[in-house]
Amino acid sequence: MMAKITINEALCKGCGMCVNACPKNLLVLATDHINAKGYHPATITDMAQCVGCTSCAIMCPDVVITVEK
């Protein structure tokens, strides 16, 4: 079963804590766009590889990541 990650990019402040927390290195800070707050939001590179461990959501200080299994 594949996990699904949803990142509320509008509220993400680009701190990178989720990027560091991902054991599969699937999260990156977007380099091609910024959000309304002026930050490069986190984004997932390959949803199919996500195991749904929720490390990213747990580490997010602004609770902008939702993980569904």
Protein backbone atom coordinates (compact mmCIF):
# COMPACT_ATOMS: atom_id res chain seq x y z
CA MET A 1 0.00 0.00 0.00
CA MET A 2 1.38 3.36 -1.00
CA ALA A 3 1.41 6.27 1.41
CA LYS A 4 0.26 9.72 0.38
CA ILE A 5 1.91 12.88 1.67
CA THR A 6 0.19 16.24 1.46
CA ILE A 7 2.22 19.37 2.14
CA ASN A 8 0.43 22.67 2.63
CA GLU A 9 2.97 24.66 0.62
CA ALA A 10 1.25 27.97 1.40
CA LEU A 11 2.07 27.58 5.11
CA CYS A 12 5.50 25.94 4.76
CA LYS A 13 8.38 28.15 5.90
CA GLY A 14 11.07 26.05 4.25
CA CYS A 15 12.93 25.18 7.45
CA GLY A 16 14.05 21.82 6.04
CA MET A 17 13.39 19.80 9.18
CA CYS A 18 11.23 17.35 7.22
CA VAL A 19 13.94 17.04 4.55
CA ASN A 20 16.44 15.98 7.23
CA ALA A 21 13.92 13.64 8.88
CA CYS A 22 13.02 11.59 5.79
CA PRO A 23 14.87 8.26 5.98
CA LYS A 24 14.44 7.71 2.23
CA ASN A 25 15.56 11.23 1.25
CA LEU A 26 12.34 11.87 -0.68
CA LEU A 27 11.72 15.43 0.49
CA VAL A 28 13.47 18.51 -0.85
CA LEU A 29 12.95 22.24 -0.67
CA ALA A 30 11.55 23.42 -4.00
CA THR A 31 14.05 25.39 -6.04
CA ASP A 32 11.68 26.26 -8.86
CA HIS A 33 9.11 28.29 -6.91
CA ILE A 34 8.41 30.17 -3.70
CA ASN A 35 5.18 30.45 -1.73
CA ALA A 36 3.29 33.64 -0.85
CA LYS A 37 5.37 34.00 2.30
CA GLY A 38 8.56 34.06 0.24
CA TYR A 39 9.87 30.61 1.17
CA HIS A 40 10.92 27.61 -0.89
CA PRO A 41 8.37 25.03 0.34
CA ALA A 42 9.08 21.37 0.93
CA THR A 43 8.02 18.97 -1.79
CA ILE A 44 8.20 15.21 -2.29
CA THR A 45 10.26 13.88 -5.19
CA ASP A 46 8.81 10.36 -5.53
CA MET A 47 5.52 9.61 -3.78
CA ALA A 48 5.69 5.95 -4.87
CA GLN A 49 8.81 5.40 -2.75
CA CYS A 50 7.27 6.81 0.44
CA VAL A 51 6.79 4.20 3.17
CA GLY A 52 4.51 6.38 5.31
CA CYS A 53 6.79 6.45 8.35
CA THR A 54 5.45 9.94 9.30
CA SER A 55 8.91 11.20 10.35
CA CYS A 56 8.40 14.31 8.21
CA ALA A 57 5.04 15.13 9.76
CA ILE A 58 6.35 14.58 13.29
CA MET A 59 9.32 16.89 12.72
CA CYS A 60 7.34 19.70 11.05
CA PRO A 61 7.08 22.58 13.55
CA ASP A 62 4.18 24.17 11.67
CA VAL A 63 2.14 20.96 11.14
CA VAL A 64 1.82 21.46 7.37
CA ILE A 65 2.41 17.79 6.44
CA THR A 66 -0.29 15.13 6.40
CA VAL A 67 0.55 11.46 5.83
CA GLU A 68 -2.17 9.03 4.77
CA LYS A 69 -1.64 5.28 4.52
